[in-house]
Amino acid sequence: MHKEDSSKNIGFYSQKQFLDLVPVSVATLYNGISDGRFPQPVKLGGRSNFFYKAHVHALIEKGDWRLALPLNQE
């Protein structure tokens, strides 16, 4: 892994940035956090939620966050 690749995983994403990267609703985000599909947020003061960049990139690479749709939608 290159130095610039590893440095992109250092730090945090705000909840808004997380939702820009993982396009789900806020309700789906909180349901996913409670059922373990999404990483737990951390509080860095105040009421704001932040997510470790490394956890977000791992989630995106894994791709398990997407909800499967039924094949027969009639």
C-alpha atoms as a PDB file:
ATOM      1  CA  MET A   1       0.000   0.000   0.000  1.00  0.00           C
ATOM      2  CA  HIS A   2       1.347   3.423  -0.892  1.00  0.00           C
ATOM      3  CA  LYS A   3       1.817   6.121   1.707  1.00  0.00           C
ATOM      4  CA  GLU A   4      -0.969   8.241   0.200  1.00  0.00           C
ATOM      5  CA  ASP A   5      -3.335   5.226   0.204  1.00  0.00           C
ATOM      6  CA  SER A   6      -2.779   4.570   3.899  1.00  0.00           C
ATOM      7  CA  SER A   7      -3.098   8.238   4.844  1.00  0.00           C
ATOM      8  CA  LYS A   8      -6.569   8.478   3.290  1.00  0.00           C
ATOM      9  CA  ASN A   9      -7.772   6.071   6.000  1.00  0.00           C
ATOM     10  CA  ILE A  10      -6.512   8.227   8.859  1.00  0.00           C
ATOM     11  CA  GLY A  11      -9.066  10.452  10.525  1.00  0.00           C
ATOM     12  CA  PHE A  12     -12.805  10.678  10.594  1.00  0.00           C
ATOM     13  CA  TYR A  13     -15.799  11.338   8.376  1.00  0.00           C
ATOM     14  CA  SER A  14     -18.735  13.325   9.683  1.00  0.00           C
ATOM     15  CA  GLN A  15     -22.164  11.747   9.448  1.00  0.00           C
ATOM     16  CA  LYS A  16     -22.927  13.941   6.411  1.00  0.00           C
ATOM     17  CA  GLN A  17     -19.713  12.801   4.690  1.00  0.00           C
ATOM     18  CA  PHE A  18     -20.534   9.186   5.560  1.00  0.00           C
ATOM     19  CA  LEU A  19     -23.978   9.555   3.968  1.00  0.00           C
ATOM     20  CA  ASP A  20     -22.409  11.097   0.859  1.00  0.00           C
ATOM     21  CA  LEU A  21     -20.185   8.020   0.490  1.00  0.00           C
ATOM     22  CA  VAL A  22     -22.792   5.442   1.510  1.00  0.00           C
ATOM     23  CA  PRO A  23     -26.077   6.696   0.024  1.00  0.00           C
ATOM     24  CA  VAL A  24     -28.663   5.573   2.562  1.00  0.00           C
ATOM     25  CA  SER A  25     -31.216   7.465   4.622  1.00  0.00           C
ATOM     26  CA  VAL A  26     -30.516   8.531   8.188  1.00  0.00           C
ATOM     27  CA  ALA A  27     -33.059   5.970   9.411  1.00  0.00           C
ATOM     28  CA  THR A  28     -31.292   3.191   7.470  1.00  0.00           C
ATOM     29  CA  LEU A  29     -27.966   4.355   8.887  1.00  0.00           C
ATOM     30  CA  TYR A  30     -29.196   4.101  12.490  1.00  0.00           C
ATOM     31  CA  ASN A  31     -30.916   0.767  11.845  1.00  0.00           C
ATOM     32  CA  GLY A  32     -27.683  -0.505  10.278  1.00  0.00           C
ATOM     33  CA  ILE A  33     -25.657   0.686  13.258  1.00  0.00           C
ATOM     34  CA  SER A  34     -27.970  -1.104  15.677  1.00  0.00           C
ATOM     35  CA  ASP A  35     -27.934  -4.385  13.712  1.00  0.00           C
ATOM     36  CA  GLY A  36     -24.161  -4.288  13.086  1.00  0.00           C
ATOM     37  CA  ARG A  37     -24.256  -3.618   9.330  1.00  0.00           C
ATOM     38  CA  PHE A  38     -22.627  -0.189   9.766  1.00  0.00           C
ATOM     39  CA  PRO A  39     -19.736   0.783  12.061  1.00  0.00           C
ATOM     40  CA  GLN A  40     -20.410   2.400  15.413  1.00  0.00           C
ATOM     41  CA  PRO A  41     -19.977   6.187  15.364  1.00  0.00           C
ATOM     42  CA  VAL A  42     -17.761   8.016  17.826  1.00  0.00           C
ATOM     43  CA  LYS A  43     -18.534  11.291  19.576  1.00  0.00           C
ATOM     44  CA  LEU A  44     -15.829  13.925  19.308  1.00  0.00           C
ATOM     45  CA  GLY A  45     -17.559  16.493  21.446  1.00  0.00           C
ATOM     46  CA  GLY A  46     -21.056  17.776  21.212  1.00  0.00           C
ATOM     47  CA  ARG A  47     -23.771  15.719  19.609  1.00  0.00           C
ATOM     48  CA  SER A  48     -22.074  15.056  16.270  1.00  0.00           C
ATOM     49  CA  ASN A  49     -21.347  11.532  15.064  1.00  0.00           C
ATOM     50  CA  PHE A  50     -18.091  10.710  13.325  1.00  0.00           C
ATOM     51  CA  PHE A  51     -16.923   7.510  11.662  1.00  0.00           C
ATOM     52  CA  TYR A  52     -13.360   6.244  11.341  1.00  0.00           C
ATOM     53  CA  LYS A  53     -12.263   6.613   7.709  1.00  0.00           C
ATOM     54  CA  ALA A  54     -10.673   3.154   7.774  1.00  0.00           C
ATOM     55  CA  HIS A  55     -13.996   1.592   8.866  1.00  0.00           C
ATOM     56  CA  VAL A  56     -15.937   3.456   6.170  1.00  0.00           C
ATOM     57  CA  HIS A  57     -13.529   2.459   3.393  1.00  0.00           C
ATOM     58  CA  ALA A  58     -13.587  -1.167   4.590  1.00  0.00           C
ATOM     59  CA  LEU A  59     -17.399  -1.086   4.553  1.00  0.00           C
ATOM     60  CA  ILE A  60     -17.460   0.291   1.004  1.00  0.00           C
ATOM     61  CA  GLU A  61     -14.900  -2.219  -0.259  1.00  0.00           C
ATOM     62  CA  LYS A  62     -16.774  -5.108   1.321  1.00  0.00           C
ATOM     63  CA  GLY A  63     -20.073  -3.939  -0.186  1.00  0.00           C
ATOM     64  CA  ASP A  64     -22.292  -5.719   2.364  1.00  0.00           C
ATOM     65  CA  TRP A  65     -24.136  -2.530   3.295  1.00  0.00           C
ATOM     66  CA  ARG A  66     -26.380  -2.640   0.241  1.00  0.00           C
ATOM     67  CA  LEU A  67     -29.843  -4.023   0.847  1.00  0.00           C
ATOM     68  CA  ALA A  68     -30.734  -6.910  -1.424  1.00  0.00           C
ATOM     69  CA  LEU A  69     -33.894  -6.346  -3.416  1.00  0.00           C
ATOM     70  CA  PRO A  70     -36.201  -9.233  -4.261  1.00  0.00           C
ATOM     71  CA  LEU A  71     -35.843 -10.407  -7.852  1.00  0.00           C
ATOM     72  CA  ASN A  72     -39.590 -10.768  -8.385  1.00  0.00           C
ATOM     73  CA  GLN A  73     -41.077  -7.354  -7.796  1.00  0.00           C
ATOM     74  CA  GLU A  74     -44.592  -7.377  -9.181  1.00  0.00           C
END
